């Protein structure tokens, strides 16, 4: 379990003018300010969240 694959994502666009559930997804992924980076476990749930807000984030 210790060497679970991870994915790094960075918030590159502001979620200010976006839908409320997209903003909630950004917060759920642990992203706060612009250009903040979050490293999460690579699970289907996290991949789905990234796909939902793909226009706001960049996968590093």
N, C-alpha and C. Protein backbone atom coordinates (compact mmCIF):
# COMPACT_ATOMS: atom_id res chain seq x y z
N UNK A 1 0.81 -1.20 0.00
CA UNK A 1 0.00 0.00 0.00
C UNK A 1 0.85 1.27 0.00
N UNK A 2 2.09 1.16 0.47
CA UNK A 2 2.92 2.34 0.61
C UNK A 2 3.33 2.92 -0.73
N UNK A 3 3.52 2.07 -1.75
CA UNK A 3 3.96 2.59 -3.04
C UNK A 3 2.78 2.70 -4.01
N UNK A 4 1.67 3.24 -3.52
CA UNK A 4 0.49 3.49 -4.35
C UNK A 4 0.83 4.57 -5.39
N UNK A 5 0.43 4.40 -6.65
CA UNK A 5 0.73 5.43 -7.65
C UNK A 5 -0.01 6.73 -7.32
N UNK A 6 0.67 7.84 -7.56
CA UNK A 6 0.09 9.14 -7.26
C UNK A 6 0.02 9.98 -8.53
N UNK A 7 -0.78 11.03 -8.47
CA UNK A 7 -0.90 11.97 -9.58
C UNK A 7 -0.79 13.38 -8.98
N UNK A 8 -0.02 14.24 -9.64
CA UNK A 8 0.14 15.63 -9.19
C UNK A 8 -0.68 16.52 -10.11
N UNK A 9 -1.48 17.41 -9.53
CA UNK A 9 -2.26 18.34 -10.32
C UNK A 9 -2.02 19.75 -9.84
N UNK A 10 -2.13 20.71 -10.77
CA UNK A 10 -1.90 22.11 -10.47
C UNK A 10 -3.08 22.92 -10.98
N UNK A 11 -3.57 23.85 -10.16
CA UNK A 11 -4.67 24.72 -10.55
C UNK A 11 -4.10 25.85 -11.41
N UNK A 12 -4.49 25.91 -12.69
CA UNK A 12 -3.92 26.90 -13.60
C UNK A 12 -4.92 27.98 -14.03
N UNK A 13 -6.22 27.76 -13.77
CA UNK A 13 -7.22 28.78 -14.06
C UNK A 13 -8.08 29.00 -12.84
N UNK A 14 -8.59 30.21 -12.69
CA UNK A 14 -9.41 30.54 -11.53
C UNK A 14 -10.81 29.95 -11.67
N UNK A 15 -11.34 29.37 -10.60
CA UNK A 15 -12.70 28.82 -10.64
C UNK A 15 -13.78 29.85 -10.31
N UNK A 16 -13.46 31.14 -10.36
CA UNK A 16 -14.40 32.18 -9.92
C UNK A 16 -15.68 32.18 -10.76
N UNK A 17 -15.57 32.13 -12.08
CA UNK A 17 -16.77 32.22 -12.91
C UNK A 17 -17.39 30.88 -13.23
N UNK A 18 -17.00 29.84 -12.51
CA UNK A 18 -17.43 28.47 -12.84
C UNK A 18 -18.66 28.08 -12.03
N UNK A 19 -19.21 26.91 -12.39
CA UNK A 19 -20.35 26.36 -11.66
C UNK A 19 -19.93 26.05 -10.22
N UNK A 20 -20.91 26.05 -9.35
CA UNK A 20 -20.64 25.80 -7.93
C UNK A 20 -20.08 24.40 -7.70
N UNK A 21 -20.57 23.39 -8.43
CA UNK A 21 -20.06 22.04 -8.20
C UNK A 21 -18.65 21.88 -8.75
N UNK A 22 -18.27 22.67 -9.73
CA UNK A 22 -16.88 22.64 -10.21
C UNK A 22 -15.96 23.27 -9.17
N UNK A 23 -16.42 24.34 -8.53
CA UNK A 23 -15.63 24.95 -7.45
C UNK A 23 -15.46 23.97 -6.29
N UNK A 24 -16.52 23.25 -5.98
CA UNK A 24 -16.45 22.26 -4.90
C UNK A 24 -15.48 21.14 -5.25
N UNK A 25 -15.42 20.77 -6.53
CA UNK A 25 -14.49 19.73 -6.96
C UNK A 25 -13.05 20.21 -6.80
N UNK A 26 -12.79 21.48 -7.11
CA UNK A 26 -11.44 22.04 -6.94
C UNK A 26 -11.03 21.95 -5.47
N UNK A 27 -11.93 22.33 -4.58
CA UNK A 27 -11.63 22.28 -3.14
C UNK A 27 -11.46 20.82 -2.70
N UNK A 28 -12.29 19.94 -3.23
CA UNK A 28 -12.21 18.53 -2.89
C UNK A 28 -10.89 17.88 -3.28
N UNK A 29 -10.28 18.41 -4.33
CA UNK A 29 -8.97 17.91 -4.75
C UNK A 29 -7.82 18.53 -3.95
N UNK A 30 -8.15 19.42 -3.03
CA UNK A 30 -7.12 20.01 -2.18
C UNK A 30 -6.43 21.22 -2.79
N UNK A 31 -7.03 21.82 -3.80
CA UNK A 31 -6.44 22.99 -4.45
C UNK A 31 -7.09 24.25 -3.89
N UNK A 32 -6.25 25.23 -3.54
CA UNK A 32 -6.78 26.45 -2.95
C UNK A 32 -6.52 27.65 -3.86
N UNK A 33 -5.28 28.10 -3.89
CA UNK A 33 -4.94 29.28 -4.68
C UNK A 33 -4.49 28.89 -6.08
N UNK A 34 -4.42 29.87 -6.94
CA UNK A 34 -3.93 29.66 -8.29
C UNK A 34 -2.50 29.13 -8.22
N UNK A 35 -2.17 28.20 -9.08
CA UNK A 35 -0.86 27.55 -9.17
C UNK A 35 -0.54 26.65 -7.98
N UNK A 36 -1.51 26.38 -7.11
CA UNK A 36 -1.26 25.44 -6.02
C UNK A 36 -1.22 24.02 -6.59
N UNK A 37 -0.39 23.18 -5.97
CA UNK A 37 -0.18 21.81 -6.44
C UNK A 37 -0.64 20.84 -5.37
N UNK A 38 -1.30 19.79 -5.79
CA UNK A 38 -1.78 18.75 -4.87
C UNK A 38 -1.36 17.39 -5.42
N UNK A 39 -0.87 16.53 -4.53
CA UNK A 39 -0.48 15.17 -4.92
C UNK A 39 -1.45 14.19 -4.28
N UNK A 40 -2.18 13.45 -5.12
CA UNK A 40 -3.22 12.56 -4.64
C UNK A 40 -2.99 11.15 -5.16
N UNK A 41 -3.63 10.17 -4.52
CA UNK A 41 -3.55 8.79 -5.00
C UNK A 41 -4.29 8.69 -6.32
N UNK A 42 -3.75 7.91 -7.23
CA UNK A 42 -4.31 7.76 -8.57
C UNK A 42 -5.43 6.71 -8.54
N UNK A 43 -6.65 7.16 -8.21
CA UNK A 43 -7.81 6.26 -8.16
C UNK A 43 -8.81 6.70 -9.23
N UNK A 44 -9.74 5.82 -9.59
CA UNK A 44 -10.76 6.22 -10.57
C UNK A 44 -11.59 7.42 -10.12
N UNK A 45 -11.84 7.57 -8.83
CA UNK A 45 -12.61 8.71 -8.33
C UNK A 45 -11.86 10.01 -8.56
N UNK A 46 -10.57 10.01 -8.25
CA UNK A 46 -9.75 11.21 -8.44
C UNK A 46 -9.63 11.53 -9.93
N UNK A 47 -9.45 10.50 -10.76
CA UNK A 47 -9.37 10.71 -12.21
C UNK A 47 -10.67 11.33 -12.75
N UNK A 48 -11.80 10.89 -12.22
CA UNK A 48 -13.08 11.46 -12.64
C UNK A 48 -13.21 12.92 -12.25
N UNK A 49 -12.73 13.26 -11.06
CA UNK A 49 -12.76 14.66 -10.62
C UNK A 49 -11.87 15.52 -11.50
N UNK A 50 -10.69 14.99 -11.87
CA UNK A 50 -9.77 15.73 -12.73
C UNK A 50 -10.41 15.94 -14.11
N UNK A 51 -11.07 14.90 -14.64
CA UNK A 51 -11.72 15.04 -15.94
C UNK A 51 -12.84 16.07 -15.91
N UNK A 52 -13.53 16.15 -14.81
CA UNK A 52 -14.65 17.10 -14.67
C UNK A 52 -14.17 18.54 -14.76
N UNK A 53 -13.00 18.83 -14.17
CA UNK A 53 -12.50 20.21 -14.17
C UNK A 53 -11.20 20.30 -14.96
N UNK A 54 -11.11 19.54 -16.06
CA UNK A 54 -9.87 19.49 -16.83
C UNK A 54 -9.48 20.83 -17.42
N UNK A 55 -10.46 21.73 -17.61
CA UNK A 55 -10.15 23.05 -18.16
C UNK A 55 -9.56 24.00 -17.12
N UNK A 56 -9.53 23.57 -15.85
CA UNK A 56 -8.97 24.40 -14.77
C UNK A 56 -7.62 23.91 -14.27
N UNK A 57 -7.31 22.64 -14.51
CA UNK A 57 -6.11 22.05 -13.91
C UNK A 57 -5.16 21.52 -14.97
N UNK A 58 -3.92 21.30 -14.52
CA UNK A 58 -2.89 20.68 -15.37
C UNK A 58 -2.30 19.52 -14.58
N UNK A 59 -2.17 18.36 -15.24
CA UNK A 59 -1.56 17.19 -14.61
C UNK A 59 -0.06 17.28 -14.81
N UNK A 60 0.67 17.22 -13.70
CA UNK A 60 2.14 17.36 -13.78
C UNK A 60 2.80 16.00 -13.85
